[in-house]
Amino acid sequence: MVVLTRLARTLGFDQNPLRRCVDRVDSLLIGLTLVTALAIPVGGVLFGRQLLDYEAGLSAEQLATRTSVTAELVTEADSHGMRPSEGSATARASWTAPDGTPHTGTVSVARGQHAGDRVSLWLDASGHVTGPPLRPGDATAVAVAVDLVLVIGAEAVLLVLFWLLRWPLDKWREHLWAVDWYRADTNWNQGKV
């Protein structure tokens, strides 16, 4: 009970006659900021769990529907129009789909590959070339990274908002102190105190 009473006094929920309105508003702002700051990670964990479930489902769906095949390059790798810093190029390749149908198309390959080289391709359920499936470990990494960025970003926004709201309160408090000191100085100089 003593701890709750002390916390209520610290947060400005007591009947102290010396506590000004600005002090009560400031205490309320601090209390709301603390509650929100504690709620953000809880919300982050709940959101992260949902995101992880979604990413894991996406990974499982991609692993079930995508197939790896080996393709043979029909042409040299062409990096025409690409910057030298980019490490990929395009080439025509031929491959056989899992259902046995032959396909030919343009694929992305590493620079410097030649006709006759073999490359691995991933095909989606309809037989179109696609990227590799999302691995379960990658799904977890994506979920954790996104969740951490969101939680840290939300906490940073909360901190900025807190200081933006607290600044005028400090100015208001300084003004009230100046007025009170002016009154006290006037009373002291007139001998009323």
N, C-alpha and C. Protein backbone atom coordinates (compact mmCIF):
# COMPACT_ATOMS: atom_id res chain seq x y z
N MET A 1 0.82 -1.19 0.00
CA MET A 1 0.00 0.00 0.00
C MET A 1 0.87 1.25 0.00
N VAL A 2 1.97 1.19 0.74
CA VAL A 2 2.88 2.34 0.81
C VAL A 2 3.48 2.61 -0.57
N VAL A 3 3.78 1.55 -1.32
CA VAL A 3 4.36 1.71 -2.64
C VAL A 3 3.36 2.39 -3.57
N LEU A 4 2.09 2.01 -3.51
CA LEU A 4 1.07 2.63 -4.35
C LEU A 4 0.86 4.10 -3.98
N THR A 5 0.89 4.39 -2.68
CA THR A 5 0.74 5.78 -2.24
C THR A 5 1.91 6.62 -2.73
N ARG A 6 3.11 6.08 -2.62
CA ARG A 6 4.30 6.81 -3.09
C ARG A 6 4.26 7.00 -4.61
N LEU A 7 3.83 5.99 -5.34
CA LEU A 7 3.71 6.10 -6.80
C LEU A 7 2.67 7.15 -7.18
N ALA A 8 1.52 7.14 -6.48
CA ALA A 8 0.48 8.13 -6.75
C ALA A 8 1.00 9.54 -6.47
N ARG A 9 1.77 9.72 -5.42
CA ARG A 9 2.33 11.03 -5.10
C ARG A 9 3.36 11.45 -6.16
N THR A 10 4.18 10.50 -6.60
CA THR A 10 5.18 10.81 -7.62
C THR A 10 4.54 11.20 -8.94
N LEU A 11 3.44 10.54 -9.28
CA LEU A 11 2.76 10.83 -10.54
C LEU A 11 1.78 12.00 -10.42
N GLY A 12 1.67 12.58 -9.23
CA GLY A 12 0.84 13.78 -9.08
C GLY A 12 -0.61 13.53 -8.77
N PHE A 13 -0.95 12.34 -8.32
CA PHE A 13 -2.34 12.03 -8.01
C PHE A 13 -2.62 12.16 -6.51
N ASP A 14 -2.00 13.11 -5.87
CA ASP A 14 -2.26 13.38 -4.46
C ASP A 14 -2.96 14.74 -4.36
N GLN A 15 -3.27 15.16 -3.18
CA GLN A 15 -3.98 16.42 -2.97
C GLN A 15 -3.04 17.52 -2.49
N ASN A 16 -1.79 17.49 -2.88
CA ASN A 16 -0.80 18.47 -2.46
C ASN A 16 -1.21 19.85 -2.98
N PRO A 17 -1.44 20.81 -2.08
CA PRO A 17 -1.87 22.15 -2.52
C PRO A 17 -0.75 22.92 -3.24
N LEU A 18 0.49 22.50 -3.10
CA LEU A 18 1.59 23.18 -3.76
C LEU A 18 1.77 22.73 -5.21
N ARG A 19 1.09 21.67 -5.56
CA ARG A 19 1.19 21.16 -6.93
C ARG A 19 0.26 21.96 -7.82
N ARG A 20 0.83 22.59 -8.81
CA ARG A 20 0.06 23.42 -9.72
C ARG A 20 -0.63 22.56 -10.78
N CYS A 21 -1.52 23.19 -11.52
CA CYS A 21 -2.21 22.51 -12.63
C CYS A 21 -1.20 22.00 -13.64
N VAL A 22 -0.18 22.81 -13.95
CA VAL A 22 0.83 22.40 -14.92
C VAL A 22 1.58 21.16 -14.42
N ASP A 23 1.78 21.08 -13.11
CA ASP A 23 2.45 19.90 -12.54
C ASP A 23 1.57 18.66 -12.66
N ARG A 24 0.27 18.83 -12.50
CA ARG A 24 -0.64 17.69 -12.65
C ARG A 24 -0.70 17.22 -14.11
N VAL A 25 -0.74 18.19 -15.04
CA VAL A 25 -0.73 17.83 -16.47
C VAL A 25 0.58 17.13 -16.82
N ASP A 26 1.68 17.64 -16.30
CA ASP A 26 2.99 17.03 -16.55
C ASP A 26 3.04 15.61 -15.99
N SER A 27 2.52 15.42 -14.80
CA SER A 27 2.49 14.08 -14.21
C SER A 27 1.62 13.14 -15.02
N LEU A 28 0.49 13.64 -15.51
CA LEU A 28 -0.38 12.82 -16.35
C LEU A 28 0.34 12.44 -17.64
N LEU A 29 1.05 13.39 -18.24
CA LEU A 29 1.82 13.11 -19.46
C LEU A 29 2.89 12.06 -19.20
N ILE A 30 3.59 12.17 -18.10
CA ILE A 30 4.63 11.18 -17.75
C ILE A 30 3.99 9.80 -17.56
N GLY A 31 2.88 9.76 -16.84
CA GLY A 31 2.21 8.48 -16.60
C GLY A 31 1.73 7.83 -17.88
N LEU A 32 1.11 8.62 -18.76
CA LEU A 32 0.65 8.07 -20.04
C LEU A 32 1.82 7.61 -20.91
N THR A 33 2.90 8.37 -20.87
CA THR A 33 4.07 7.98 -21.65
C THR A 33 4.65 6.67 -21.14
N LEU A 34 4.73 6.52 -19.82
CA LEU A 34 5.26 5.27 -19.25
C LEU A 34 4.38 4.08 -19.61
N VAL A 35 3.07 4.25 -19.48
CA VAL A 35 2.15 3.15 -19.81
C VAL A 35 2.28 2.78 -21.28
N THR A 36 2.33 3.80 -22.14
CA THR A 36 2.46 3.55 -23.58
C THR A 36 3.80 2.89 -23.90
N ALA A 37 4.86 3.38 -23.25
CA ALA A 37 6.19 2.81 -23.50
C ALA A 37 6.25 1.34 -23.09
N LEU A 38 5.50 0.97 -22.07
CA LEU A 38 5.46 -0.44 -21.67
C LEU A 38 4.52 -1.25 -22.56
N ALA A 39 3.50 -0.60 -23.11
CA ALA A 39 2.54 -1.32 -23.96
C ALA A 39 3.10 -1.58 -25.36
N ILE A 40 3.98 -0.72 -25.83
CA ILE A 40 4.51 -0.88 -27.19
C ILE A 40 5.23 -2.23 -27.37
N PRO A 41 6.13 -2.63 -26.47
CA PRO A 41 6.77 -3.95 -26.66
C PRO A 41 5.77 -5.11 -26.58
N VAL A 42 4.75 -4.97 -25.73
CA VAL A 42 3.73 -6.03 -25.65
C VAL A 42 3.00 -6.13 -26.99
N GLY A 43 2.59 -4.98 -27.52
CA GLY A 43 1.96 -4.97 -28.84
C GLY A 43 2.91 -5.49 -29.91
N GLY A 44 4.20 -5.15 -29.77
CA GLY A 44 5.20 -5.63 -30.72
C GLY A 44 5.33 -7.14 -30.71
N VAL A 45 5.28 -7.73 -29.52
CA VAL A 45 5.36 -9.19 -29.42
C VAL A 45 4.13 -9.83 -30.07
N LEU A 46 2.95 -9.26 -29.81
CA LEU A 46 1.73 -9.81 -30.41
C LEU A 46 1.75 -9.67 -31.94
N PHE A 47 2.17 -8.50 -32.42
CA PHE A 47 2.27 -8.29 -33.86
C PHE A 47 3.34 -9.21 -34.45
N GLY A 48 4.48 -9.32 -33.78
CA GLY A 48 5.56 -10.17 -34.26
C GLY A 48 5.14 -11.62 -34.37
N ARG A 49 4.34 -12.06 -33.42
CA ARG A 49 3.85 -13.44 -33.46
C ARG A 49 2.96 -13.66 -34.70
N GLN A 50 2.08 -12.70 -34.97
CA GLN A 50 1.21 -12.79 -36.15
C GLN A 50 2.04 -12.76 -37.43
N LEU A 51 3.02 -11.86 -37.47
CA LEU A 51 3.88 -11.76 -38.65
C LEU A 51 4.68 -13.04 -38.85
N LEU A 52 5.18 -13.62 -37.77
CA LEU A 52 5.94 -14.87 -37.87
C LEU A 52 5.05 -15.99 -38.39
N ASP A 53 3.82 -16.06 -37.90
CA ASP A 53 2.90 -17.08 -38.41
C ASP A 53 2.63 -16.89 -39.90
N TYR A 54 2.44 -15.63 -40.31
CA TYR A 54 2.21 -15.35 -41.73
C TYR A 54 3.42 -15.74 -42.57
N GLU A 55 4.61 -15.31 -42.14
CA GLU A 55 5.83 -15.62 -42.89
C GLU A 55 6.09 -17.12 -42.94
N ALA A 56 5.83 -17.82 -41.83
CA ALA A 56 6.02 -19.27 -41.81
C ALA A 56 5.05 -19.96 -42.77
N GLY A 57 3.81 -19.47 -42.81
CA GLY A 57 2.83 -20.02 -43.76
C GLY A 57 3.23 -19.76 -45.20
N LEU A 58 3.72 -18.54 -45.46
CA LEU A 58 4.19 -18.20 -46.80
C LEU A 58 5.37 -19.08 -47.20
N SER A 59 6.28 -19.31 -46.26
CA SER A 59 7.43 -20.17 -46.52
C SER A 59 6.98 -21.60 -46.84
N ALA A 60 6.07 -22.11 -46.03
CA ALA A 60 5.58 -23.48 -46.26
C ALA A 60 4.88 -23.60 -47.61
N GLU A 61 4.08 -22.57 -47.95
CA GLU A 61 3.36 -22.58 -49.24
C GLU A 61 4.35 -22.53 -50.40
N GLN A 62 5.38 -21.69 -50.29
CA GLN A 62 6.36 -21.59 -51.36
C GLN A 62 7.18 -22.87 -51.48
N LEU A 63 7.57 -23.45 -50.36
CA LEU A 63 8.33 -24.70 -50.40
C LEU A 63 7.50 -25.82 -51.04
N ALA A 64 6.19 -25.78 -50.84
CA ALA A 64 5.33 -26.84 -51.39
C ALA A 64 5.04 -26.64 -52.87
N THR A 65 5.07 -25.39 -53.35
CA THR A 65 4.65 -25.13 -54.72
C THR A 65 5.79 -24.81 -55.68
N ARG A 66 6.97 -24.56 -55.18
CA ARG A 66 8.08 -24.22 -56.07
C ARG A 66 9.00 -25.43 -56.25
N THR A 67 9.53 -25.52 -57.46
CA THR A 67 10.38 -26.66 -57.80
C THR A 67 11.69 -26.15 -58.38
N SER A 68 12.76 -26.80 -58.00
CA SER A 68 14.07 -26.45 -58.55
C SER A 68 14.35 -27.34 -59.76
N VAL A 69 14.80 -26.69 -60.85
CA VAL A 69 15.18 -27.43 -62.06
C VAL A 69 16.54 -26.92 -62.51
N THR A 70 17.19 -27.70 -63.32
CA THR A 70 18.47 -27.29 -63.89
C THR A 70 18.23 -26.88 -65.34
N ALA A 71 18.74 -25.70 -65.67
CA ALA A 71 18.58 -25.18 -67.03
C ALA A 71 19.95 -25.10 -67.69
N GLU A 72 19.96 -25.20 -69.01
CA GLU A 72 21.20 -25.06 -69.77
C GLU A 72 21.13 -23.76 -70.56
N LEU A 73 22.20 -22.96 -70.43
CA LEU A 73 22.23 -21.69 -71.14
C LEU A 73 22.38 -21.94 -72.64
N VAL A 74 21.57 -21.24 -73.41
CA VAL A 74 21.59 -21.35 -74.86
C VAL A 74 22.47 -20.25 -75.44
N THR A 75 22.54 -19.11 -74.75
CA THR A 75 23.34 -17.97 -75.21
C THR A 75 24.32 -17.56 -74.11
N GLU A 76 25.27 -16.71 -74.50
CA GLU A 76 26.20 -16.15 -73.52
C GLU A 76 25.44 -15.19 -72.59
N ALA A 77 25.96 -15.02 -71.39
CA ALA A 77 25.38 -14.06 -70.45
C ALA A 77 25.56 -12.66 -71.01
N ASP A 78 24.47 -11.91 -71.06
CA ASP A 78 24.49 -10.56 -71.64
C ASP A 78 24.27 -9.55 -70.53
N SER A 79 25.27 -8.73 -70.28
CA SER A 79 25.14 -7.69 -69.25
C SER A 79 24.95 -6.33 -69.89
N HIS A 80 24.53 -6.31 -71.15
CA HIS A 80 24.33 -5.06 -71.88
C HIS A 80 23.28 -4.21 -71.16
N GLY A 81 23.61 -2.95 -70.92
CA GLY A 81 22.69 -2.02 -70.28
C GLY A 81 22.74 -2.08 -68.76
N MET A 82 23.57 -2.94 -68.20
CA MET A 82 23.68 -3.02 -66.75
C MET A 82 24.95 -2.33 -66.29
N ARG A 83 24.89 -1.82 -65.08
CA ARG A 83 26.07 -1.16 -64.51
C ARG A 83 27.12 -2.20 -64.16
N PRO A 84 28.40 -1.81 -64.24
CA PRO A 84 29.46 -2.77 -63.90
C PRO A 84 29.38 -3.27 -62.46
N SER A 85 28.78 -2.48 -61.57
CA SER A 85 28.71 -2.91 -60.17
C SER A 85 27.70 -4.03 -59.96
N GLU A 86 26.76 -4.18 -60.89
CA GLU A 86 25.78 -5.24 -60.75
C GLU A 86 26.41 -6.57 -61.14
N GLY A 87 26.16 -7.59 -60.34
CA GLY A 87 26.81 -8.87 -60.59
C GLY A 87 26.00 -9.84 -61.40
N SER A 88 24.89 -9.39 -61.98
CA SER A 88 24.08 -10.34 -62.72
C SER A 88 23.92 -9.89 -64.17
N ALA A 89 23.47 -10.83 -64.96
CA ALA A 89 23.23 -10.58 -66.39
C ALA A 89 22.05 -11.45 -66.79
N THR A 90 21.69 -11.43 -68.06
CA THR A 90 20.60 -12.27 -68.54
C THR A 90 21.12 -13.15 -69.68
N ALA A 91 20.44 -14.28 -69.86
CA ALA A 91 20.80 -15.20 -70.94
C ALA A 91 19.57 -16.03 -71.29
N ARG A 92 19.54 -16.54 -72.47
CA ARG A 92 18.49 -17.47 -72.88
C ARG A 92 18.88 -18.84 -72.37
N ALA A 93 17.89 -19.56 -71.85
CA ALA A 93 18.16 -20.89 -71.32
C ALA A 93 17.00 -21.82 -71.67
N SER A 94 17.29 -23.10 -71.64
CA SER A 94 16.24 -24.10 -71.86
C SER A 94 16.23 -25.06 -70.68
N TRP A 95 15.03 -25.52 -70.32
CA TRP A 95 14.88 -26.44 -69.20
C TRP A 95 13.64 -27.28 -69.41
N THR A 96 13.57 -28.33 -68.64
CA THR A 96 12.40 -29.22 -68.69
C THR A 96 11.65 -29.07 -67.38
N ALA A 97 10.37 -28.77 -67.47
CA ALA A 97 9.54 -28.62 -66.27
C ALA A 97 9.32 -29.98 -65.62
N PRO A 98 8.91 -30.00 -64.35
CA PRO A 98 8.68 -31.28 -63.68
C PRO A 98 7.65 -32.17 -64.39
N ASP A 99 6.74 -31.57 -65.17
CA ASP A 99 5.75 -32.39 -65.89
C ASP A 99 6.29 -32.91 -67.22
N GLY A 100 7.57 -32.59 -67.54
CA GLY A 100 8.21 -33.11 -68.74
C GLY A 100 8.15 -32.19 -69.95
N THR A 101 7.50 -31.05 -69.85
CA THR A 101 7.42 -30.14 -71.00
C THR A 101 8.67 -29.29 -71.09
N PRO A 102 9.20 -29.13 -72.31
CA PRO A 102 10.40 -28.30 -72.48
C PRO A 102 10.02 -26.82 -72.50
N HIS A 103 10.91 -25.99 -71.94
CA HIS A 103 10.71 -24.54 -71.91
C HIS A 103 11.98 -23.84 -72.30
N THR A 104 11.84 -22.65 -72.86
CA THR A 104 12.97 -21.78 -73.18
C THR A 104 12.57 -20.37 -72.76
N GLY A 105 13.51 -19.64 -72.19
CA GLY A 105 13.21 -18.27 -71.78
C GLY A 105 14.46 -17.54 -71.34
N THR A 106 14.29 -16.27 -71.04
CA THR A 106 15.39 -15.44 -70.56
C THR A 106 15.43 -15.54 -69.04
N VAL A 107 16.61 -15.80 -68.52
CA VAL A 107 16.78 -15.95 -67.07
C VAL A 107 17.91 -15.06 -66.59
N SER A 108 17.92 -14.78 -65.31
CA SER A 108 18.98 -14.00 -64.70
C SER A 108 20.10 -14.96 -64.27
N VAL A 109 21.33 -14.63 -64.67
CA VAL A 109 22.48 -15.48 -64.37
C VAL A 109 23.63 -14.62 -63.89
N ALA A 110 24.68 -15.24 -63.40
CA ALA A 110 25.87 -14.51 -62.98
C ALA A 110 26.64 -14.06 -64.23
N ARG A 111 27.34 -12.97 -64.11
CA ARG A 111 28.16 -12.47 -65.22
C ARG A 111 29.20 -13.51 -65.62
N GLY A 112 29.52 -13.53 -66.88
CA GLY A 112 30.60 -14.38 -67.35
C GLY A 112 30.21 -15.80 -67.65
N GLN A 113 28.93 -16.17 -67.54
CA GLN A 113 28.54 -17.53 -67.87
C GLN A 113 28.38 -17.67 -69.38
N HIS A 114 28.62 -18.87 -69.84
CA HIS A 114 28.66 -19.11 -71.29
C HIS A 114 27.57 -20.10 -71.70
N ALA A 115 27.31 -20.15 -73.00
CA ALA A 115 26.37 -21.11 -73.55
C ALA A 115 26.84 -22.52 -73.17
N GLY A 116 25.91 -23.35 -72.74
CA GLY A 116 26.24 -24.71 -72.32
C GLY A 116 26.38 -24.84 -70.81
N ASP A 117 26.58 -23.72 -70.10
CA ASP A 117 26.67 -23.77 -68.63
C ASP A 117 25.30 -24.14 -68.06
N ARG A 118 25.36 -24.80 -66.92
CA ARG A 118 24.11 -25.21 -66.26
C ARG A 118 23.87 -24.27 -65.06
N VAL A 119 22.61 -23.87 -64.91
CA VAL A 119 22.20 -23.01 -63.79
C VAL A 119 20.95 -23.59 -63.15
N SER A 120 20.75 -23.29 -61.89
CA SER A 120 19.54 -23.73 -61.18
C SER A 120 18.47 -22.66 -61.29
N LEU A 121 17.26 -23.09 -61.54
CA LEU A 121 16.10 -22.20 -61.62
C LEU A 121 15.02 -22.70 -60.67
N TRP A 122 14.20 -21.79 -60.23
CA TRP A 122 13.03 -22.16 -59.43
C TRP A 122 11.79 -21.85 -60.27
N LEU A 123 10.87 -22.80 -60.29
CA LEU A 123 9.62 -22.64 -61.03
C LEU A 123 8.45 -22.63 -60.04
N ASP A 124 7.46 -21.77 -60.34
CA ASP A 124 6.27 -21.78 -59.49
C ASP A 124 5.32 -22.89 -59.95
N ALA A 125 4.16 -22.97 -59.35
CA ALA A 125 3.23 -24.07 -59.66
C ALA A 125 2.77 -24.05 -61.11
N SER A 126 2.76 -22.89 -61.75
CA SER A 126 2.32 -22.81 -63.14
C SER A 126 3.49 -22.98 -64.11
N GLY A 127 4.70 -23.20 -63.64
CA GLY A 127 5.85 -23.45 -64.49
C GLY A 127 6.63 -22.21 -64.88
N HIS A 128 6.29 -21.06 -64.33
CA HIS A 128 7.02 -19.83 -64.63
C HIS A 128 8.24 -19.70 -63.72
N VAL A 129 9.30 -19.11 -64.28
CA VAL A 129 10.52 -18.90 -63.50
C VAL A 129 10.22 -17.90 -62.39
N THR A 130 10.66 -18.21 -61.21
CA THR A 130 10.45 -17.35 -60.04
C THR A 130 11.67 -17.43 -59.13
N GLY A 131 11.65 -16.71 -58.04
CA GLY A 131 12.76 -16.74 -57.10
C GLY A 131 12.70 -17.97 -56.21
N PRO A 132 13.76 -18.22 -55.46
CA PRO A 132 13.74 -19.37 -54.56
C PRO A 132 12.71 -19.18 -53.45
N PRO A 133 12.23 -20.26 -52.89
CA PRO A 133 11.23 -20.14 -51.82
C PRO A 133 11.86 -19.54 -50.56
N LEU A 134 11.01 -18.90 -49.79
CA LEU A 134 11.43 -18.32 -48.51
C LEU A 134 11.68 -19.47 -47.54
N ARG A 135 12.90 -19.55 -47.04
CA ARG A 135 13.22 -20.62 -46.09
C ARG A 135 12.66 -20.28 -44.72
N PRO A 136 12.35 -21.27 -43.88
CA PRO A 136 11.78 -21.00 -42.56
C PRO A 136 12.68 -20.09 -41.71
N GLY A 137 13.98 -20.26 -41.80
CA GLY A 137 14.89 -19.40 -41.04
C GLY A 137 14.84 -17.96 -41.53
N ASP A 138 14.69 -17.79 -42.84
CA ASP A 138 14.56 -16.44 -43.40
C ASP A 138 13.24 -15.80 -42.96
N ALA A 139 12.19 -16.62 -42.90
CA ALA A 139 10.89 -16.10 -42.46
C ALA A 139 10.99 -15.58 -41.03
N THR A 140 11.68 -16.32 -40.19
CA THR A 140 11.87 -15.90 -38.80
C THR A 140 12.69 -14.62 -38.73
N ALA A 141 13.75 -14.56 -39.52
CA ALA A 141 14.60 -13.37 -39.52
C ALA A 141 13.83 -12.14 -39.99
N VAL A 142 13.01 -12.31 -41.03
CA VAL A 142 12.22 -11.19 -41.53
C VAL A 142 11.24 -10.71 -40.46
N ALA A 143 10.55 -11.65 -39.82
CA ALA A 143 9.57 -11.29 -38.79
C ALA A 143 10.23 -10.57 -37.62
N VAL A 144 11.36 -11.07 -37.17
CA VAL A 144 12.06 -10.45 -36.03
C VAL A 144 12.58 -9.07 -36.42
N ALA A 145 13.16 -8.95 -37.60
CA ALA A 145 13.71 -7.66 -38.03
C ALA A 145 12.61 -6.61 -38.18
N VAL A 146 11.52 -6.98 -38.83
CA VAL A 146 10.41 -6.03 -39.00
C VAL A 146 9.84 -5.63 -37.65
N ASP A 147 9.67 -6.59 -36.76
CA ASP A 147 9.11 -6.30 -35.44
C ASP A 147 10.04 -5.39 -34.63
N LEU A 148 11.33 -5.66 -34.67
CA LEU A 148 12.28 -4.81 -33.94
C LEU A 148 12.28 -3.38 -34.47
N VAL A 149 12.26 -3.24 -35.79
CA VAL A 149 12.25 -1.89 -36.38
C VAL A 149 10.98 -1.16 -35.98
N LEU A 150 9.85 -1.84 -36.02
CA LEU A 150 8.58 -1.20 -35.64
C LEU A 150 8.55 -0.80 -34.17
N VAL A 151 9.01 -1.68 -33.30
CA VAL A 151 9.00 -1.37 -31.86
C VAL A 151 9.96 -0.22 -31.56
N ILE A 152 11.17 -0.28 -32.09
CA ILE A 152 12.13 0.79 -31.83
C ILE A 152 11.63 2.10 -32.44
N GLY A 153 11.05 2.03 -33.63
CA GLY A 153 10.51 3.24 -34.26
C GLY A 153 9.35 3.82 -33.45
N ALA A 154 8.46 2.96 -32.97
CA ALA A 154 7.33 3.45 -32.17
C ALA A 154 7.81 4.07 -30.86
N GLU A 155 8.80 3.46 -30.23
CA GLU A 155 9.35 4.03 -28.99
C GLU A 155 10.02 5.38 -29.28
N ALA A 156 10.71 5.49 -30.40
CA ALA A 156 11.36 6.75 -30.76
C ALA A 156 10.32 7.84 -31.03
N VAL A 157 9.25 7.49 -31.73
CA VAL A 157 8.18 8.46 -31.99
C VAL A 157 7.53 8.89 -30.68
N LEU A 158 7.32 7.93 -29.78
CA LEU A 158 6.76 8.26 -28.47
C LEU A 158 7.66 9.22 -27.71
N LEU A 159 8.96 8.98 -27.74
CA LEU A 159 9.89 9.85 -27.04
C LEU A 159 9.88 11.26 -27.62
N VAL A 160 9.86 11.36 -28.94
CA VAL A 160 9.81 12.68 -29.59
C VAL A 160 8.51 13.39 -29.23
N LEU A 161 7.38 12.68 -29.28
CA LEU A 161 6.11 13.29 -28.91
C LEU A 161 6.11 13.75 -27.46
N PHE A 162 6.70 12.93 -26.59
CA PHE A 162 6.77 13.30 -25.17
C PHE A 162 7.52 14.61 -25.00
N TRP A 163 8.66 14.74 -25.64
CA TRP A 163 9.44 15.97 -25.49
C TRP A 163 8.77 17.15 -26.18
N LEU A 164 8.09 16.92 -27.29
CA LEU A 164 7.36 18.00 -27.95
C LEU A 164 6.20 18.50 -27.09
N LEU A 165 5.55 17.60 -26.37
CA LEU A 165 4.47 18.00 -25.48
C LEU A 165 4.99 18.57 -24.16
N ARG A 166 6.14 18.11 -23.74
CA ARG A 166 6.69 18.55 -22.45
C ARG A 166 7.29 19.95 -22.55
N TRP A 167 7.82 20.32 -23.70
CA TRP A 167 8.47 21.61 -23.86
C TRP A 167 7.54 22.77 -23.52
N PRO A 168 6.30 22.82 -24.07
CA PRO A 168 5.42 23.93 -23.68
C PRO A 168 5.04 23.89 -22.20
N LEU A 169 4.95 22.68 -21.64
CA LEU A 169 4.66 22.60 -20.21
C LEU A 169 5.79 23.22 -19.40
N ASP A 170 7.02 22.99 -19.80
CA ASP A 170 8.16 23.61 -19.10
C ASP A 170 8.12 25.12 -19.23
N LYS A 171 7.76 25.61 -20.43
CA LYS A 171 7.66 27.06 -20.62
C LYS A 171 6.54 27.63 -19.74
N TRP A 172 5.43 26.93 -19.67
CA TRP A 172 4.32 27.36 -18.83
C TRP A 172 4.76 27.38 -17.36
N ARG A 173 5.46 26.33 -16.93
CA ARG A 173 5.94 26.25 -15.56
C ARG A 173 6.92 27.39 -15.25
N GLU A 174 7.83 27.67 -16.19
CA GLU A 174 8.78 28.78 -15.99
C GLU A 174 8.04 30.11 -15.86
N HIS A 175 7.00 30.31 -16.67
CA HIS A 175 6.22 31.54 -16.58
C HIS A 175 5.55 31.67 -15.22
N LEU A 176 4.96 30.58 -14.74
CA LEU A 176 4.30 30.61 -13.44
C LEU A 176 5.29 30.89 -12.32
N TRP A 177 6.48 30.31 -12.40
CA TRP A 177 7.52 30.58 -11.41
C TRP A 177 7.92 32.06 -11.46
N ALA A 178 8.07 32.61 -12.65
CA ALA A 178 8.45 34.02 -12.77
C ALA A 178 7.38 34.92 -12.16
N VAL A 179 6.11 34.60 -12.41
CA VAL A 179 5.02 35.40 -11.83
C VAL A 179 5.05 35.29 -10.32
N ASP A 180 5.20 34.09 -9.78
CA ASP A 180 5.24 33.91 -8.32
C ASP A 180 6.45 34.62 -7.71
N TRP A 181 7.60 34.54 -8.36
CA TRP A 181 8.77 35.24 -7.82
C TRP A 181 8.59 36.75 -7.87
N TYR A 182 7.94 37.23 -8.91
CA TYR A 182 7.67 38.67 -9.00
C TYR A 182 6.77 39.11 -7.85
N ARG A 183 5.70 38.33 -7.57
CA ARG A 183 4.79 38.65 -6.46
C ARG A 183 5.54 38.59 -5.12
N ALA A 184 6.36 37.55 -4.97
CA ALA A 184 7.09 37.42 -3.70
C ALA A 184 8.05 38.58 -3.53
N ASP A 185 8.75 38.96 -4.60
CA ASP A 185 9.69 40.07 -4.54
C ASP A 185 8.97 41.38 -4.20
N THR A 186 7.80 41.57 -4.81
CA THR A 186 7.03 42.78 -4.53
C THR A 186 6.59 42.79 -3.07
N ASN A 187 6.12 41.66 -2.57
CA ASN A 187 5.69 41.57 -1.17
C ASN A 187 6.85 41.78 -0.22
N TRP A 188 8.02 41.23 -0.53
CA TRP A 188 9.18 41.38 0.35
C TRP A 188 9.64 42.85 0.37
N ASN A 189 9.65 43.46 -0.79
CA ASN A 189 10.10 44.85 -0.86
C ASN A 189 9.13 45.81 -0.16
N GLN A 190 7.87 45.42 -0.05
CA GLN A 190 6.89 46.27 0.63
C GLN A 190 6.75 45.91 2.09
N GLY A 191 7.51 44.92 2.53
CA GLY A 191 7.51 44.51 3.93
C GLY A 191 6.30 43.71 4.35
N LYS A 192 5.62 43.10 3.42
CA LYS A 192 4.42 42.32 3.75
C LYS A 192 4.77 40.91 4.20
N VAL A 193 6.00 40.54 4.00
CA VAL A 193 6.36 39.17 4.38
C VAL A 193 7.21 39.19 5.62
